[in-house]
Amino acid sequence: MFIPSLLMGASLSGDPREGLLAGLDRLLANPASSVENPFYFGFMAETLSAKTGKWLTPFLIAAMYTAHEMTNPEYWDEGMSFGFVFAGVTLITALYLWRRSVVVIWLGDGLRWFLMALI
């Protein structure tokens, strides 16, 4: 969601406190960050990469994650771009398989929410 906002020429709100609160909320209080990230990028990516290899795994994880997100009617109401979700999760999974660190993914998710709150 951050990249599409930049592509549409959104301006920064300039309130870093709002961004900090959004980032901390995502990092510390949001179950998606504390449960989904380790599940998809840790457990599932590790399990699938042993069976399907590191080249196919990012696409499989992205397909599963995108299908999971598509079950939430709120995202449809917001007009979420599921294509961007698929592409982003593919890249994040590839990053995980390269670095083998869920912490990197977790911090990146918080940073994304921080930056989105600034726009």
C-alpha atoms as a PDB file:
ATOM      1  CA  MET A   1       0.000   0.000   0.000  1.00  0.00           C
ATOM      2  CA  PHE A   2       2.966   2.292   0.559  1.00  0.00           C
ATOM      3  CA  ILE A   3       4.290   2.040  -3.019  1.00  0.00           C
ATOM      4  CA  PRO A   4       0.897   2.750  -4.662  1.00  0.00           C
ATOM      5  CA  SER A   5       0.559   5.817  -2.426  1.00  0.00           C
ATOM      6  CA  LEU A   6       3.923   7.075  -3.649  1.00  0.00           C
ATOM      7  CA  LEU A   7       3.004   6.385  -7.268  1.00  0.00           C
ATOM      8  CA  MET A   8      -0.173   8.457  -6.910  1.00  0.00           C
ATOM      9  CA  GLY A   9       1.843  11.420  -5.684  1.00  0.00           C
ATOM     10  CA  ALA A  10       0.540  11.510  -2.118  1.00  0.00           C
ATOM     11  CA  SER A  11       2.127  14.127   0.087  1.00  0.00           C
ATOM     12  CA  LEU A  12       3.677  13.487   3.486  1.00  0.00           C
ATOM     13  CA  SER A  13       1.602  14.510   6.482  1.00  0.00           C
ATOM     14  CA  GLY A  14       4.758  15.502   8.336  1.00  0.00           C
ATOM     15  CA  ASP A  15       3.605  14.091  11.685  1.00  0.00           C
ATOM     16  CA  PRO A  16       6.221  11.528  12.721  1.00  0.00           C
ATOM     17  CA  ARG A  17       4.321  10.819  15.968  1.00  0.00           C
ATOM     18  CA  GLU A  18       1.408   9.438  13.968  1.00  0.00           C
ATOM     19  CA  GLY A  19       3.803   7.314  11.962  1.00  0.00           C
ATOM     20  CA  LEU A  20       5.614   6.104  15.069  1.00  0.00           C
ATOM     21  CA  LEU A  21       2.349   5.108  16.741  1.00  0.00           C
ATOM     22  CA  ALA A  22       1.192   3.254  13.618  1.00  0.00           C
ATOM     23  CA  GLY A  23       4.519   1.433  13.350  1.00  0.00           C
ATOM     24  CA  LEU A  24       4.602   0.481  17.043  1.00  0.00           C
ATOM     25  CA  ASP A  25       0.980  -0.626  16.934  1.00  0.00           C
ATOM     26  CA  ARG A  26       1.759  -2.898  13.990  1.00  0.00           C
ATOM     27  CA  LEU A  27       4.920  -4.262  15.615  1.00  0.00           C
ATOM     28  CA  LEU A  28       3.647  -4.819  19.145  1.00  0.00           C
ATOM     29  CA  ALA A  29      -0.162  -4.939  19.181  1.00  0.00           C
ATOM     30  CA  ASN A  30      -1.249  -6.373  15.836  1.00  0.00           C
ATOM     31  CA  PRO A  31      -1.765 -10.132  15.666  1.00  0.00           C
ATOM     32  CA  ALA A  32      -0.993 -10.102  11.939  1.00  0.00           C
ATOM     33  CA  SER A  33       2.549  -9.018  12.666  1.00  0.00           C
ATOM     34  CA  SER A  34       3.065 -11.301  15.649  1.00  0.00           C
ATOM     35  CA  VAL A  35       1.385 -14.442  14.226  1.00  0.00           C
ATOM     36  CA  GLU A  36       1.123 -14.237  10.433  1.00  0.00           C
ATOM     37  CA  ASN A  37       4.701 -13.158   9.753  1.00  0.00           C
ATOM     38  CA  PRO A  38       6.354 -16.040  11.655  1.00  0.00           C
ATOM     39  CA  PHE A  39       3.777 -18.477  10.251  1.00  0.00           C
ATOM     40  CA  TYR A  40       4.093 -17.527   6.580  1.00  0.00           C
ATOM     41  CA  PHE A  41       7.692 -16.355   6.425  1.00  0.00           C
ATOM     42  CA  GLY A  42       9.137 -18.667   9.042  1.00  0.00           C
ATOM     43  CA  PHE A  43       7.305 -21.963   9.303  1.00  0.00           C
ATOM     44  CA  MET A  44       5.642 -22.156   5.864  1.00  0.00           C
ATOM     45  CA  ALA A  45       8.590 -20.751   3.900  1.00  0.00           C
ATOM     46  CA  GLU A  46      11.004 -23.132   5.619  1.00  0.00           C
ATOM     47  CA  THR A  47       8.738 -26.135   5.128  1.00  0.00           C
ATOM     48  CA  LEU A  48       7.932 -25.391   1.489  1.00  0.00           C
ATOM     49  CA  SER A  49      11.475 -24.458   0.504  1.00  0.00           C
ATOM     50  CA  ALA A  50      12.661 -27.896   1.622  1.00  0.00           C
ATOM     51  CA  LYS A  51      10.074 -29.497  -0.678  1.00  0.00           C
ATOM     52  CA  THR A  52       9.706 -27.089  -3.623  1.00  0.00           C
ATOM     53  CA  GLY A  53      13.013 -25.209  -3.638  1.00  0.00           C
ATOM     54  CA  LYS A  54      13.855 -21.569  -3.076  1.00  0.00           C
ATOM     55  CA  TRP A  55      12.654 -20.407  -6.509  1.00  0.00           C
ATOM     56  CA  LEU A  56       9.065 -21.676  -6.359  1.00  0.00           C
ATOM     57  CA  THR A  57       8.470 -21.080  -2.640  1.00  0.00           C
ATOM     58  CA  PRO A  58       8.065 -17.253  -2.782  1.00  0.00           C
ATOM     59  CA  PHE A  59       5.278 -17.599  -5.368  1.00  0.00           C
ATOM     60  CA  LEU A  60       3.492 -20.313  -3.364  1.00  0.00           C
ATOM     61  CA  ILE A  61       3.676 -18.298  -0.134  1.00  0.00           C
ATOM     62  CA  ALA A  62       2.444 -15.185  -1.985  1.00  0.00           C
ATOM     63  CA  ALA A  63      -0.489 -17.118  -3.455  1.00  0.00           C
ATOM     64  CA  MET A  64      -1.483 -18.477  -0.026  1.00  0.00           C
ATOM     65  CA  TYR A  65      -1.078 -15.110   1.695  1.00  0.00           C
ATOM     66  CA  THR A  66      -3.012 -13.262  -1.001  1.00  0.00           C
ATOM     67  CA  ALA A  67      -5.825 -15.823  -0.874  1.00  0.00           C
ATOM     68  CA  HIS A  68      -5.904 -15.376   2.904  1.00  0.00           C
ATOM     69  CA  GLU A  69      -6.125 -11.581   2.563  1.00  0.00           C
ATOM     70  CA  MET A  70      -8.869 -11.896  -0.049  1.00  0.00           C
ATOM     71  CA  THR A  71     -11.141 -13.544   2.532  1.00  0.00           C
ATOM     72  CA  ASN A  72     -11.317 -10.261   4.473  1.00  0.00           C
ATOM     73  CA  PRO A  73     -14.263  -8.158   3.176  1.00  0.00           C
ATOM     74  CA  GLU A  74     -12.740  -5.028   4.701  1.00  0.00           C
ATOM     75  CA  TYR A  75      -9.861  -5.193   2.233  1.00  0.00           C
ATOM     76  CA  TRP A  76     -12.317  -5.408  -0.680  1.00  0.00           C
ATOM     77  CA  ASP A  77     -14.178  -2.367   0.672  1.00  0.00           C
ATOM     78  CA  GLU A  78     -10.891  -0.435   0.929  1.00  0.00           C
ATOM     79  CA  GLY A  79     -10.029  -1.326  -2.662  1.00  0.00           C
ATOM     80  CA  MET A  80      -6.834  -3.144  -1.748  1.00  0.00           C
ATOM     81  CA  SER A  81      -4.660  -4.020  -4.712  1.00  0.00           C
ATOM     82  CA  PHE A  82      -4.189  -7.760  -4.323  1.00  0.00           C
ATOM     83  CA  GLY A  83      -1.693  -7.730  -7.189  1.00  0.00           C
ATOM     84  CA  PHE A  84       0.590  -5.505  -5.101  1.00  0.00           C
ATOM     85  CA  VAL A  85       0.050  -7.831  -2.126  1.00  0.00           C
ATOM     86  CA  PHE A  86       1.099 -10.818  -4.230  1.00  0.00           C
ATOM     87  CA  ALA A  87       4.171  -9.027  -5.601  1.00  0.00           C
ATOM     88  CA  GLY A  88       5.159  -7.677  -2.187  1.00  0.00           C
ATOM     89  CA  VAL A  89       4.809 -11.005  -0.406  1.00  0.00           C
ATOM     90  CA  THR A  90       6.775 -12.711  -3.184  1.00  0.00           C
ATOM     91  CA  LEU A  91       9.634 -10.255  -2.637  1.00  0.00           C
ATOM     92  CA  ILE A  92       9.431 -10.464   1.154  1.00  0.00           C
ATOM     93  CA  THR A  93       9.501 -14.269   1.049  1.00  0.00           C
ATOM     94  CA  ALA A  94      12.511 -14.193  -1.266  1.00  0.00           C
ATOM     95  CA  LEU A  95      14.169 -11.797   1.194  1.00  0.00           C
ATOM     96  CA  TYR A  96      13.373 -14.153   4.060  1.00  0.00           C
ATOM     97  CA  LEU A  97      14.804 -17.159   2.208  1.00  0.00           C
ATOM     98  CA  TRP A  98      17.949 -15.149   1.492  1.00  0.00           C
ATOM     99  CA  ARG A  99      18.444 -13.726   5.011  1.00  0.00           C
ATOM    100  CA  ARG A 100      16.625 -16.441   7.026  1.00  0.00           C
ATOM    101  CA  SER A 101      15.425 -13.840   9.532  1.00  0.00           C
ATOM    102  CA  VAL A 102      11.815 -13.246  10.560  1.00  0.00           C
ATOM    103  CA  VAL A 103      13.022 -10.239  12.579  1.00  0.00           C
ATOM    104  CA  VAL A 104      13.963  -8.475   9.338  1.00  0.00           C
ATOM    105  CA  ILE A 105      10.460  -9.101   7.976  1.00  0.00           C
ATOM    106  CA  TRP A 106       8.819  -8.010  11.251  1.00  0.00           C
ATOM    107  CA  LEU A 107      10.793  -4.744  11.410  1.00  0.00           C
ATOM    108  CA  GLY A 108      10.152  -4.086   7.723  1.00  0.00           C
ATOM    109  CA  ASP A 109       6.412  -4.452   8.295  1.00  0.00           C
ATOM    110  CA  GLY A 110       6.560  -1.915  11.138  1.00  0.00           C
ATOM    111  CA  LEU A 111       8.592   0.460   8.960  1.00  0.00           C
ATOM    112  CA  ARG A 112       6.029   0.149   6.168  1.00  0.00           C
ATOM    113  CA  TRP A 113       3.190   1.102   8.538  1.00  0.00           C
ATOM    114  CA  PHE A 114       5.256   4.002   9.887  1.00  0.00           C
ATOM    115  CA  LEU A 115       5.816   5.352   6.370  1.00  0.00           C
ATOM    116  CA  MET A 116       2.181   4.772   5.333  1.00  0.00           C
ATOM    117  CA  ALA A 117       0.980   6.835   8.309  1.00  0.00           C
ATOM    118  CA  LEU A 118       3.175   9.719   7.145  1.00  0.00           C
ATOM    119  CA  ILE A 119       1.444   9.771   3.748  1.00  0.00           C
END
